[in-house]
């Protein structure tokens, strides 16, 4: 029963740069050993200040994105100010914690990387499926292809690298995973978060046999 649920397989990457945060992911979704979507979006803008990558069960990730978008908007309406990155991470962590502990015949798991900006600067958080929150100061990867991405990130990441270099590194890390992880593939999406804007800088689909 577990293999019939739609999963993203996935390689996602988050990199903290001196002038921004880079989020990247592949575009393949799988159900067991079957590729069911070659154009899956795994990097999502959830507000004017925040974006996330997703890994895990697609239905849970999609529902969680809808919930966190609503919670961020409600937070802004109630407080008359935009949520901070820490508040956004706590809101998302709370949703994940509740979802994992809700009784269900089909337990779902979703892993998020949250990048954002606020009055204190630029931020990157790792939100594990159990709701735990870890602030990342250099780089992070999640999903089935993360072991391959980490090989690139560990050896080539440099402190205080520019956004341009961060994008190139993220693409290289994801592309390396695409070559070795059968659950990752079919393209790369990259979003950059700076103090001025959140911008999708790459949306590339790849034609391959896997």
N, C-alpha and C. Protein backbone atom coordinates (compact mmCIF):
# COMPACT_ATOMS: atom_id res chain seq x y z
N UNK A 1 0.83 -1.21 0.00
CA UNK A 1 0.00 0.00 0.00
C UNK A 1 0.86 1.25 0.00
N UNK A 2 1.97 1.19 0.71
CA UNK A 2 2.84 2.36 0.82
C UNK A 2 3.41 2.77 -0.53
N UNK A 3 3.76 1.78 -1.39
CA UNK A 3 4.39 2.08 -2.66
C UNK A 3 3.42 2.73 -3.66
N UNK A 4 2.12 2.63 -3.40
CA UNK A 4 1.15 3.20 -4.32
C UNK A 4 0.98 4.70 -4.13
N UNK A 5 1.46 5.23 -3.01
CA UNK A 5 1.34 6.66 -2.79
C UNK A 5 2.36 7.40 -3.65
N UNK A 6 1.96 8.56 -4.15
CA UNK A 6 2.82 9.36 -5.01
C UNK A 6 3.88 10.06 -4.19
N UNK A 7 5.14 9.84 -4.57
CA UNK A 7 6.25 10.45 -3.84
C UNK A 7 7.11 11.24 -4.81
N UNK A 8 7.84 12.21 -4.26
CA UNK A 8 8.68 13.02 -5.12
C UNK A 8 10.06 12.42 -5.34
N UNK A 9 10.40 11.32 -4.61
CA UNK A 9 11.76 10.80 -4.74
C UNK A 9 12.70 11.88 -4.26
N UNK A 10 13.23 12.68 -5.18
CA UNK A 10 13.72 14.01 -4.85
C UNK A 10 15.18 14.20 -4.52
N UNK A 11 15.70 15.30 -5.04
CA UNK A 11 16.92 15.92 -4.53
C UNK A 11 16.63 17.40 -4.38
N UNK A 12 16.69 17.90 -3.16
CA UNK A 12 16.54 19.34 -2.93
C UNK A 12 17.81 19.88 -2.27
N UNK A 13 18.10 21.13 -2.56
CA UNK A 13 19.31 21.76 -2.04
C UNK A 13 18.99 23.18 -1.58
N UNK A 14 19.56 23.58 -0.45
CA UNK A 14 19.48 24.96 0.03
C UNK A 14 20.87 25.45 0.36
N UNK A 15 21.21 26.65 -0.10
CA UNK A 15 22.54 27.21 0.14
C UNK A 15 22.41 28.64 0.62
N UNK A 16 23.11 28.96 1.72
CA UNK A 16 23.16 30.32 2.24
C UNK A 16 24.35 31.03 1.61
N UNK A 17 24.09 32.15 0.95
CA UNK A 17 25.14 32.94 0.32
C UNK A 17 25.26 34.29 1.03
N UNK A 18 26.29 35.03 0.72
CA UNK A 18 26.48 36.31 1.39
C UNK A 18 25.41 37.33 1.04
N UNK A 19 24.77 37.16 -0.13
CA UNK A 19 23.76 38.12 -0.58
C UNK A 19 22.43 37.46 -0.92
N UNK A 20 22.20 36.25 -0.43
CA UNK A 20 20.93 35.60 -0.70
C UNK A 20 20.90 34.15 -0.28
N UNK A 21 19.76 33.53 -0.51
CA UNK A 21 19.57 32.10 -0.25
C UNK A 21 19.12 31.44 -1.54
N UNK A 22 19.73 30.31 -1.87
CA UNK A 22 19.41 29.57 -3.09
C UNK A 22 18.67 28.28 -2.72
N UNK A 23 17.53 28.04 -3.37
CA UNK A 23 16.77 26.80 -3.22
C UNK A 23 16.66 26.12 -4.58
N UNK A 24 16.94 24.82 -4.62
CA UNK A 24 16.90 24.10 -5.90
C UNK A 24 16.36 22.70 -5.69
N UNK A 25 15.79 22.14 -6.76
CA UNK A 25 15.26 20.77 -6.70
C UNK A 25 15.10 20.22 -8.10
N UNK A 26 15.01 18.89 -8.17
CA UNK A 26 14.74 18.24 -9.45
C UNK A 26 13.24 18.26 -9.73
N UNK A 27 12.79 17.55 -10.79
CA UNK A 27 11.40 17.67 -11.22
C UNK A 27 10.67 16.33 -11.37
N UNK A 28 11.20 15.25 -10.80
CA UNK A 28 10.61 13.93 -10.99
C UNK A 28 9.75 13.51 -9.79
N UNK A 29 8.58 12.95 -10.07
CA UNK A 29 7.74 12.35 -9.04
C UNK A 29 7.53 10.88 -9.39
N UNK A 30 7.56 10.02 -8.37
CA UNK A 30 7.48 8.58 -8.60
C UNK A 30 6.42 7.93 -7.73
N UNK A 31 5.98 6.75 -8.16
CA UNK A 31 5.11 5.88 -7.35
C UNK A 31 5.76 4.51 -7.40
N UNK A 32 6.47 4.15 -6.35
CA UNK A 32 7.26 2.93 -6.38
C UNK A 32 8.39 3.10 -7.38
N UNK A 33 8.44 2.24 -8.40
CA UNK A 33 9.48 2.32 -9.42
C UNK A 33 9.00 3.02 -10.69
N UNK A 34 7.79 3.54 -10.65
CA UNK A 34 7.20 4.17 -11.84
C UNK A 34 7.33 5.69 -11.78
N UNK A 35 7.77 6.29 -12.88
CA UNK A 35 7.82 7.75 -12.98
C UNK A 35 6.44 8.24 -13.41
N UNK A 36 5.77 8.99 -12.57
CA UNK A 36 4.40 9.43 -12.87
C UNK A 36 4.30 10.90 -13.25
N UNK A 37 5.36 11.67 -12.99
CA UNK A 37 5.34 13.08 -13.35
C UNK A 37 6.77 13.54 -13.61
N UNK A 38 7.00 14.08 -14.80
CA UNK A 38 8.33 14.57 -15.18
C UNK A 38 8.45 16.08 -15.06
N UNK A 39 7.37 16.71 -14.59
CA UNK A 39 7.37 18.18 -14.49
C UNK A 39 6.87 18.64 -13.11
N UNK A 40 7.19 17.87 -12.09
CA UNK A 40 6.74 18.20 -10.74
C UNK A 40 7.45 19.45 -10.22
N UNK A 41 6.68 20.34 -9.62
CA UNK A 41 7.26 21.54 -9.00
C UNK A 41 7.59 21.24 -7.55
N UNK A 42 8.86 21.32 -7.20
CA UNK A 42 9.29 21.02 -5.84
C UNK A 42 9.88 22.22 -5.12
N UNK A 43 9.88 23.38 -5.80
CA UNK A 43 10.28 24.63 -5.16
C UNK A 43 9.10 25.58 -5.29
N UNK A 44 8.53 26.02 -4.17
CA UNK A 44 7.31 26.81 -4.17
C UNK A 44 7.48 28.12 -3.40
N UNK A 45 7.02 29.19 -3.98
CA UNK A 45 6.95 30.47 -3.28
C UNK A 45 5.66 30.47 -2.46
N UNK A 46 5.76 30.69 -1.15
CA UNK A 46 4.58 30.61 -0.29
C UNK A 46 4.13 31.98 0.22
N UNK A 47 4.93 33.01 0.01
CA UNK A 47 4.54 34.38 0.35
C UNK A 47 5.52 35.32 -0.32
N UNK A 48 5.37 36.61 -0.08
CA UNK A 48 6.31 37.58 -0.65
C UNK A 48 7.70 37.46 -0.04
N UNK A 49 7.81 36.75 1.08
CA UNK A 49 9.09 36.67 1.79
C UNK A 49 9.66 35.27 1.92
N UNK A 50 8.90 34.24 1.59
CA UNK A 50 9.35 32.87 1.86
C UNK A 50 9.09 31.92 0.70
N UNK A 51 9.97 30.93 0.58
CA UNK A 51 9.82 29.86 -0.40
C UNK A 51 10.29 28.57 0.24
N UNK A 52 9.79 27.44 -0.27
CA UNK A 52 10.14 26.15 0.29
C UNK A 52 10.47 25.15 -0.81
N UNK A 53 11.26 24.14 -0.46
CA UNK A 53 11.40 22.95 -1.29
C UNK A 53 10.67 21.82 -0.59
N UNK A 54 10.22 20.82 -1.38
CA UNK A 54 9.48 19.71 -0.79
C UNK A 54 10.14 18.39 -1.16
N UNK A 55 10.06 17.44 -0.23
CA UNK A 55 10.48 16.06 -0.47
C UNK A 55 9.54 15.17 0.32
N UNK A 56 9.22 14.00 -0.21
CA UNK A 56 8.34 13.09 0.51
C UNK A 56 7.06 12.82 -0.24
N UNK A 57 5.99 12.55 0.51
CA UNK A 57 4.70 12.23 -0.08
C UNK A 57 4.05 13.49 -0.64
N UNK A 58 3.68 13.45 -1.91
CA UNK A 58 3.21 14.65 -2.60
C UNK A 58 1.95 15.23 -1.98
N UNK A 59 0.96 14.39 -1.67
CA UNK A 59 -0.30 14.90 -1.14
C UNK A 59 -0.09 15.66 0.17
N UNK A 60 0.76 15.13 1.04
CA UNK A 60 1.03 15.81 2.31
C UNK A 60 1.75 17.13 2.08
N UNK A 61 2.71 17.12 1.17
CA UNK A 61 3.46 18.34 0.88
C UNK A 61 2.54 19.41 0.29
N UNK A 62 1.67 19.03 -0.64
CA UNK A 62 0.77 19.99 -1.26
C UNK A 62 -0.21 20.58 -0.25
N UNK A 63 -0.78 19.74 0.60
CA UNK A 63 -1.70 20.23 1.62
C UNK A 63 -0.99 21.15 2.60
N UNK A 64 0.22 20.77 2.99
CA UNK A 64 0.98 21.59 3.94
C UNK A 64 1.30 22.95 3.36
N UNK A 65 1.61 22.99 2.07
CA UNK A 65 1.88 24.28 1.42
C UNK A 65 0.64 25.18 1.47
N UNK A 66 -0.53 24.60 1.21
CA UNK A 66 -1.77 25.38 1.28
C UNK A 66 -2.00 25.91 2.70
N UNK A 67 -1.75 25.06 3.69
CA UNK A 67 -1.96 25.46 5.07
C UNK A 67 -0.98 26.54 5.51
N UNK A 68 0.29 26.41 5.15
CA UNK A 68 1.27 27.40 5.61
C UNK A 68 1.05 28.74 4.91
N UNK A 69 0.61 28.71 3.65
CA UNK A 69 0.28 29.97 2.97
C UNK A 69 -0.84 30.70 3.71
N UNK A 70 -1.87 29.93 4.12
CA UNK A 70 -2.99 30.53 4.83
C UNK A 70 -2.56 31.03 6.21
N UNK A 71 -1.75 30.25 6.91
CA UNK A 71 -1.30 30.64 8.25
C UNK A 71 -0.44 31.90 8.21
N UNK A 72 0.41 32.02 7.21
CA UNK A 72 1.25 33.21 7.09
C UNK A 72 0.39 34.45 6.81
N UNK A 73 -0.62 34.29 5.97
CA UNK A 73 -1.51 35.42 5.67
C UNK A 73 -2.33 35.81 6.90
N UNK A 74 -2.84 34.82 7.63
CA UNK A 74 -3.58 35.10 8.86
C UNK A 74 -2.71 35.79 9.90
N UNK A 75 -1.48 35.34 10.00
CA UNK A 75 -0.53 35.95 10.95
C UNK A 75 -0.33 37.42 10.62
N UNK A 76 -0.21 37.72 9.35
CA UNK A 76 -0.01 39.10 8.92
C UNK A 76 -1.24 39.95 9.18
N UNK A 77 -2.42 39.40 8.94
CA UNK A 77 -3.67 40.13 9.16
C UNK A 77 -3.88 40.42 10.64
N UNK A 78 -3.58 39.44 11.48
CA UNK A 78 -3.82 39.58 12.92
C UNK A 78 -2.82 40.51 13.60
N UNK A 79 -1.58 40.53 13.12
CA UNK A 79 -0.53 41.31 13.80
C UNK A 79 -0.20 42.61 13.08
N UNK A 80 -0.76 42.79 11.87
CA UNK A 80 -0.49 43.99 11.06
C UNK A 80 0.99 44.12 10.69
N UNK A 81 1.67 43.00 10.61
CA UNK A 81 3.06 43.01 10.14
C UNK A 81 3.40 41.65 9.56
N UNK A 82 4.40 41.65 8.71
CA UNK A 82 4.80 40.40 8.08
C UNK A 82 5.49 39.48 9.08
N UNK A 83 5.23 38.18 9.01
CA UNK A 83 5.89 37.25 9.94
C UNK A 83 7.40 37.23 9.73
N UNK A 84 8.13 37.04 10.81
CA UNK A 84 9.57 36.87 10.71
C UNK A 84 9.87 35.47 10.20
N UNK A 85 11.12 35.23 9.81
CA UNK A 85 11.51 33.90 9.33
C UNK A 85 11.35 32.86 10.44
N UNK A 86 11.68 33.24 11.66
CA UNK A 86 11.54 32.31 12.77
C UNK A 86 10.09 31.96 13.01
N UNK A 87 9.20 32.95 12.90
CA UNK A 87 7.77 32.69 13.08
C UNK A 87 7.25 31.78 11.97
N UNK A 88 7.70 32.03 10.74
CA UNK A 88 7.28 31.18 9.62
C UNK A 88 7.74 29.75 9.82
N UNK A 89 8.98 29.58 10.26
CA UNK A 89 9.52 28.23 10.51
C UNK A 89 8.74 27.53 11.62
N UNK A 90 8.40 28.26 12.67
CA UNK A 90 7.64 27.68 13.78
C UNK A 90 6.23 27.28 13.34
N UNK A 91 5.60 28.09 12.51
CA UNK A 91 4.27 27.76 12.00
C UNK A 91 4.32 26.48 11.16
N UNK A 92 5.30 26.40 10.26
CA UNK A 92 5.43 25.22 9.42
C UNK A 92 5.79 23.99 10.25
N UNK A 93 6.68 24.17 11.21
CA UNK A 93 7.05 23.07 12.09
C UNK A 93 5.86 22.54 12.87
N UNK A 94 4.99 23.43 13.31
CA UNK A 94 3.80 23.02 14.05
C UNK A 94 2.84 22.21 13.19
N UNK A 95 2.70 22.61 11.92
CA UNK A 95 1.84 21.87 11.01
C UNK A 95 2.40 20.46 10.77
N UNK A 96 3.70 20.36 10.57
CA UNK A 96 4.33 19.05 10.35
C UNK A 96 4.21 18.16 11.58
N UNK A 97 4.41 18.76 12.76
CA UNK A 97 4.30 17.99 14.00
C UNK A 97 2.90 17.41 14.15
N UNK A 98 1.90 18.23 13.90
CA UNK A 98 0.50 17.79 14.05
C UNK A 98 0.14 16.73 13.01
N UNK A 99 0.63 16.92 11.78
CA UNK A 99 0.29 15.99 10.70
C UNK A 99 0.85 14.61 10.95
N UNK A 100 2.09 14.55 11.42
CA UNK A 100 2.73 13.25 11.63
C UNK A 100 2.07 12.47 12.75
N UNK A 101 1.52 13.18 13.74
CA UNK A 101 0.93 12.53 14.90
C UNK A 101 -0.57 12.35 14.80
N UNK A 102 -1.14 12.71 13.66
CA UNK A 102 -2.57 12.51 13.45
C UNK A 102 -2.82 11.07 13.03
N UNK A 103 -3.70 10.34 13.72
CA UNK A 103 -3.97 8.94 13.37
C UNK A 103 -4.42 8.82 11.91
N UNK A 104 -3.80 7.89 11.17
CA UNK A 104 -4.14 7.73 9.77
C UNK A 104 -3.75 6.33 9.29
N UNK A 105 -4.55 5.78 8.37
CA UNK A 105 -4.21 4.50 7.76
C UNK A 105 -3.08 4.65 6.76
N UNK A 106 -2.88 5.88 6.28
CA UNK A 106 -1.84 6.14 5.30
C UNK A 106 -0.93 7.25 5.80
N UNK A 107 -0.02 6.93 6.70
CA UNK A 107 0.87 7.96 7.24
C UNK A 107 1.74 8.58 6.16
N UNK A 108 1.75 9.89 6.10
CA UNK A 108 2.54 10.58 5.09
C UNK A 108 3.70 11.33 5.72
N UNK A 109 4.73 11.51 4.95
CA UNK A 109 5.91 12.20 5.43
C UNK A 109 6.32 13.26 4.42
N UNK A 110 6.55 14.48 4.88
CA UNK A 110 7.00 15.56 4.02
C UNK A 110 8.14 16.31 4.70
N UNK A 111 9.18 16.59 3.95
CA UNK A 111 10.37 17.27 4.44
C UNK A 111 10.51 18.59 3.69
N UNK A 112 10.71 19.68 4.41
CA UNK A 112 10.77 21.00 3.79
C UNK A 112 12.10 21.70 4.09
N UNK A 113 12.58 22.45 3.11
CA UNK A 113 13.61 23.45 3.34
C UNK A 113 12.93 24.80 3.15
N UNK A 114 13.05 25.67 4.13
CA UNK A 114 12.39 26.99 4.10
C UNK A 114 13.44 28.08 4.00
N UNK A 115 13.35 28.86 2.94
CA UNK A 115 14.22 30.02 2.78
C UNK A 115 13.39 31.27 2.86
N UNK A 116 13.95 32.32 3.46
CA UNK A 116 13.17 33.54 3.59
C UNK A 116 13.97 34.76 3.97
N UNK A 117 13.27 35.87 4.05
CA UNK A 117 13.88 37.15 4.40
C UNK A 117 12.97 37.87 5.38
N UNK A 118 13.58 38.65 6.26
CA UNK A 118 12.82 39.50 7.18
C UNK A 118 13.70 40.68 7.57
N UNK A 119 13.30 41.42 8.59
CA UNK A 119 14.06 42.59 9.01
C UNK A 119 15.44 42.26 9.56
N UNK A 120 15.65 41.00 9.92
CA UNK A 120 16.93 40.58 10.47
C UNK A 120 17.88 40.03 9.42
N UNK A 121 17.40 39.89 8.17
CA UNK A 121 18.27 39.38 7.12
C UNK A 121 17.68 38.21 6.37
N UNK A 122 18.56 37.33 5.90
CA UNK A 122 18.17 36.18 5.10
C UNK A 122 18.37 34.90 5.90
N UNK A 123 17.47 33.92 5.70
CA UNK A 123 17.47 32.75 6.57
C UNK A 123 17.18 31.49 5.78
N UNK A 124 17.69 30.36 6.29
CA UNK A 124 17.41 29.04 5.73
C UNK A 124 17.18 28.06 6.87
N UNK A 125 16.08 27.33 6.80
CA UNK A 125 15.73 26.36 7.85
C UNK A 125 15.47 24.99 7.23
N UNK A 126 15.86 23.96 7.98
CA UNK A 126 15.55 22.58 7.64
C UNK A 126 14.41 22.12 8.54
N UNK A 127 13.28 21.73 7.95
CA UNK A 127 12.12 21.29 8.74
C UNK A 127 11.88 19.81 8.45
N UNK A 128 12.24 18.98 9.44
CA UNK A 128 12.12 17.54 9.29
C UNK A 128 10.66 17.13 9.42
N UNK A 129 10.28 15.96 8.89
CA UNK A 129 8.89 15.53 8.95
C UNK A 129 8.29 15.46 10.35
N UNK A 130 9.13 15.32 11.39
CA UNK A 130 8.59 15.25 12.75
C UNK A 130 8.31 16.62 13.35
N UNK A 131 8.57 17.69 12.58
CA UNK A 131 8.32 19.04 13.05
C UNK A 131 9.52 19.73 13.63
N UNK A 132 10.64 19.03 13.73
CA UNK A 132 11.85 19.65 14.27
C UNK A 132 12.39 20.70 13.30
N UNK A 133 12.98 21.75 13.86
CA UNK A 133 13.45 22.90 13.07
C UNK A 133 14.94 23.11 13.33
N UNK A 134 15.71 23.21 12.26
CA UNK A 134 17.14 23.48 12.37
C UNK A 134 17.50 24.65 11.48
N UNK A 135 18.13 25.66 12.07
CA UNK A 135 18.58 26.78 11.24
C UNK A 135 19.89 26.40 10.56
N UNK A 136 19.96 26.64 9.26
CA UNK A 136 21.13 26.28 8.46
C UNK A 136 21.93 27.54 8.13
N UNK A 137 23.23 27.48 8.35
CA UNK A 137 24.08 28.64 8.09
C UNK A 137 24.99 28.45 6.87
N UNK A 138 24.99 27.26 6.28
CA UNK A 138 25.83 27.05 5.10
C UNK A 138 25.05 26.36 3.97
N UNK A 139 24.78 25.06 4.12
CA UNK A 139 24.04 24.36 3.07
C UNK A 139 23.33 23.15 3.65
N UNK A 140 22.35 22.67 2.89
CA UNK A 140 21.55 21.52 3.32
C UNK A 140 21.00 20.84 2.07
N UNK A 141 20.78 19.53 2.16
CA UNK A 141 20.14 18.80 1.07
C UNK A 141 19.20 17.77 1.67
N UNK A 142 18.12 17.45 0.97
CA UNK A 142 17.17 16.46 1.45
C UNK A 142 16.72 15.59 0.29
N UNK A 143 16.09 14.47 0.62
CA UNK A 143 15.56 13.59 -0.41
C UNK A 143 16.49 12.42 -0.71
N UNK A 144 16.01 11.55 -1.58
CA UNK A 144 16.73 10.31 -1.88
C UNK A 144 18.07 10.56 -2.56
N UNK A 145 18.22 11.69 -3.25
CA UNK A 145 19.48 11.98 -3.93
C UNK A 145 20.42 12.85 -3.12
N UNK A 146 20.06 13.13 -1.87
CA UNK A 146 20.87 14.07 -1.07
C UNK A 146 22.28 13.56 -0.81
N UNK A 147 22.45 12.24 -0.69
CA UNK A 147 23.78 11.70 -0.43
C UNK A 147 24.74 12.06 -1.55
N UNK A 148 24.26 12.11 -2.78
CA UNK A 148 25.10 12.48 -3.92
C UNK A 148 25.32 14.00 -3.96
N UNK A 149 24.26 14.75 -3.65
CA UNK A 149 24.39 16.21 -3.62
C UNK A 149 25.38 16.66 -2.55
N UNK A 150 25.35 15.99 -1.40
CA UNK A 150 26.27 16.36 -0.32
C UNK A 150 27.72 16.19 -0.72
N UNK A 151 28.01 15.21 -1.57
CA UNK A 151 29.38 15.02 -2.02
C UNK A 151 29.92 16.25 -2.72
N UNK A 152 29.04 16.91 -3.50
CA UNK A 152 29.42 18.14 -4.19
C UNK A 152 29.47 19.32 -3.22
N UNK A 153 28.44 19.44 -2.39
CA UNK A 153 28.36 20.57 -1.47
C UNK A 153 29.51 20.58 -0.47
N UNK A 154 29.83 19.43 0.08
CA UNK A 154 30.89 19.35 1.08
C UNK A 154 32.25 19.77 0.53
N UNK A 155 32.50 19.45 -0.72
CA UNK A 155 33.82 19.71 -1.30
C UNK A 155 33.93 21.07 -1.99
N UNK A 156 32.80 21.64 -2.43
CA UNK A 156 32.89 22.84 -3.25
C UNK A 156 32.23 24.08 -2.64
N UNK A 157 31.51 23.92 -1.53
CA UNK A 157 30.92 25.09 -0.90
C UNK A 157 32.00 25.96 -0.27
N UNK A 158 31.84 27.28 -0.41
CA UNK A 158 32.77 28.23 0.18
C UNK A 158 32.00 29.25 1.01
N UNK A 159 32.57 29.63 2.11
CA UNK A 159 31.93 30.62 2.97
C UNK A 159 31.84 31.96 2.25
N UNK A 160 30.70 32.63 2.44
CA UNK A 160 30.47 33.96 1.85
C UNK A 160 30.50 33.95 0.33
N UNK A 161 30.05 32.86 -0.28
CA UNK A 161 29.98 32.82 -1.74
C UNK A 161 28.81 33.67 -2.23
N UNK A 162 28.92 34.16 -3.46
CA UNK A 162 27.87 35.01 -4.03
C UNK A 162 26.68 34.16 -4.45
N UNK A 163 25.54 34.83 -4.68
CA UNK A 163 24.35 34.13 -5.15
C UNK A 163 24.62 33.45 -6.49
N UNK A 164 25.35 34.14 -7.38
CA UNK A 164 25.66 33.55 -8.68
C UNK A 164 26.43 32.24 -8.52
N UNK A 165 27.43 32.25 -7.64
CA UNK A 165 28.19 31.02 -7.39
C UNK A 165 27.33 29.98 -6.69
N UNK A 166 26.42 30.44 -5.82
CA UNK A 166 25.52 29.53 -5.12
C UNK A 166 24.58 28.82 -6.07
N UNK A 167 24.06 29.55 -7.06
CA UNK A 167 23.18 28.95 -8.06
C UNK A 167 23.95 27.89 -8.85
N UNK A 168 25.16 28.21 -9.27
CA UNK A 168 25.97 27.26 -10.03
C UNK A 168 26.25 26.01 -9.21
N UNK A 169 26.54 26.18 -7.92
CA UNK A 169 26.82 25.04 -7.06
C UNK A 169 25.56 24.20 -6.84
N UNK A 170 24.43 24.85 -6.63
CA UNK A 170 23.17 24.12 -6.43
C UNK A 170 22.82 23.30 -7.66
N UNK A 171 22.98 23.88 -8.83
CA UNK A 171 22.69 23.17 -10.08
C UNK A 171 23.63 21.97 -10.22
N UNK A 172 24.89 22.16 -9.90
CA UNK A 172 25.86 21.06 -10.01
C UNK A 172 25.52 19.94 -9.03
N UNK A 173 25.12 20.31 -7.82
CA UNK A 173 24.78 19.31 -6.80
C UNK A 173 23.56 18.51 -7.21
N UNK A 174 22.51 19.19 -7.68
CA UNK A 174 21.31 18.49 -8.11
C UNK A 174 21.59 17.64 -9.35
N UNK A 175 22.35 18.20 -10.28
CA UNK A 175 22.67 17.46 -11.50
C UNK A 175 23.47 16.19 -11.20
N UNK A 176 24.34 16.25 -10.21
CA UNK A 176 25.10 15.06 -9.81
C UNK A 176 24.17 13.98 -9.30
N UNK A 177 23.17 14.39 -8.50
CA UNK A 177 22.19 13.43 -7.99
C UNK A 177 21.36 12.84 -9.14
N UNK A 178 21.06 13.66 -10.14
CA UNK A 178 20.28 13.17 -11.28
C UNK A 178 20.99 12.03 -12.02
N UNK A 179 22.32 12.04 -11.97
CA UNK A 179 23.09 11.02 -12.67
C UNK A 179 23.09 9.68 -11.94
N UNK A 180 22.81 9.69 -10.61
CA UNK A 180 22.96 8.48 -9.82
C UNK A 180 21.69 8.02 -9.09
N UNK A 181 20.77 8.93 -8.84
CA UNK A 181 19.56 8.58 -8.10
C UNK A 181 18.40 8.44 -9.08
N UNK A 182 17.85 7.23 -9.19
CA UNK A 182 16.78 6.99 -10.16
C UNK A 182 15.48 7.69 -9.81
N UNK A 183 15.31 8.08 -8.54
CA UNK A 183 14.08 8.76 -8.11
C UNK A 183 14.16 10.27 -8.32
N UNK A 184 15.31 10.76 -8.77
CA UNK A 184 15.47 12.18 -9.08
C UNK A 184 15.73 12.32 -10.57
N UNK A 185 15.22 13.40 -11.17
CA UNK A 185 15.49 13.57 -12.59
C UNK A 185 14.58 14.55 -13.28
N UNK A 186 14.74 14.60 -14.61
CA UNK A 186 13.85 15.31 -15.54
C UNK A 186 13.94 16.83 -15.51
N UNK A 187 14.82 17.41 -14.72
CA UNK A 187 14.97 18.85 -14.76
C UNK A 187 15.38 19.45 -13.44
N UNK A 188 15.56 20.76 -13.45
CA UNK A 188 16.01 21.48 -12.26
C UNK A 188 15.25 22.80 -12.16
N UNK A 189 14.75 23.11 -10.98
CA UNK A 189 14.17 24.42 -10.66
C UNK A 189 15.05 25.09 -9.62
N UNK A 190 15.28 26.40 -9.79
CA UNK A 190 16.07 27.15 -8.82
C UNK A 190 15.39 28.48 -8.52
N UNK A 191 15.24 28.76 -7.23
CA UNK A 191 14.71 30.05 -6.78
C UNK A 191 15.75 30.72 -5.90
N UNK A 192 15.91 32.03 -6.08
CA UNK A 192 16.85 32.81 -5.29
C UNK A 192 16.08 33.83 -4.45
N UNK A 193 16.43 33.91 -3.17
CA UNK A 193 15.82 34.87 -2.25
C UNK A 193 16.88 35.89 -1.86
N UNK A 194 16.63 37.15 -2.15
CA UNK A 194 17.53 38.23 -1.75
C UNK A 194 16.75 39.22 -0.90
N UNK A 195 17.42 40.23 -0.43
CA UNK A 195 16.74 41.25 0.38
C UNK A 195 15.70 42.00 -0.44
N UNK A 196 15.83 42.02 -1.77
CA UNK A 196 14.93 42.76 -2.63
C UNK A 196 13.76 41.95 -3.17
N UNK A 197 13.99 40.64 -3.42
CA UNK A 197 12.96 39.87 -4.10
C UNK A 197 13.17 38.37 -3.97
N UNK A 198 12.12 37.64 -4.37
CA UNK A 198 12.21 36.20 -4.56
C UNK A 198 12.02 35.95 -6.04
N UNK A 199 12.99 35.29 -6.66
CA UNK A 199 12.97 35.16 -8.12
C UNK A 199 13.33 33.74 -8.55
N UNK A 200 12.56 33.21 -9.49
CA UNK A 200 12.89 31.92 -10.10
C UNK A 200 13.91 32.18 -11.18
N UNK A 201 15.12 31.66 -11.01
CA UNK A 201 16.20 31.93 -11.96
C UNK A 201 16.45 30.78 -12.91
N UNK A 202 15.87 29.62 -12.62
CA UNK A 202 16.02 28.48 -13.54
C UNK A 202 14.78 27.59 -13.49
N UNK A 203 14.29 27.22 -14.67
CA UNK A 203 13.19 26.27 -14.79
C UNK A 203 13.52 25.44 -16.03
N UNK A 204 14.27 24.38 -15.82
CA UNK A 204 14.82 23.63 -16.94
C UNK A 204 14.34 22.19 -16.93
N UNK A 205 13.76 21.77 -18.02
CA UNK A 205 13.34 20.38 -18.17
C UNK A 205 14.37 19.63 -19.01
N UNK A 206 14.66 18.41 -18.58
CA UNK A 206 15.64 17.58 -19.27
C UNK A 206 14.97 16.35 -19.85
N UNK A 207 15.35 15.97 -21.04
CA UNK A 207 14.84 14.77 -21.66
C UNK A 207 15.85 13.65 -21.41
N UNK A 208 15.39 12.58 -20.76
CA UNK A 208 16.27 11.47 -20.48
C UNK A 208 15.50 10.15 -20.53
N UNK A 209 16.19 9.07 -20.50
CA UNK A 209 15.57 7.75 -20.64
C UNK A 209 15.08 7.16 -19.34
N UNK A 210 15.52 7.74 -18.18
CA UNK A 210 15.14 7.18 -16.88
C UNK A 210 13.87 7.84 -16.38
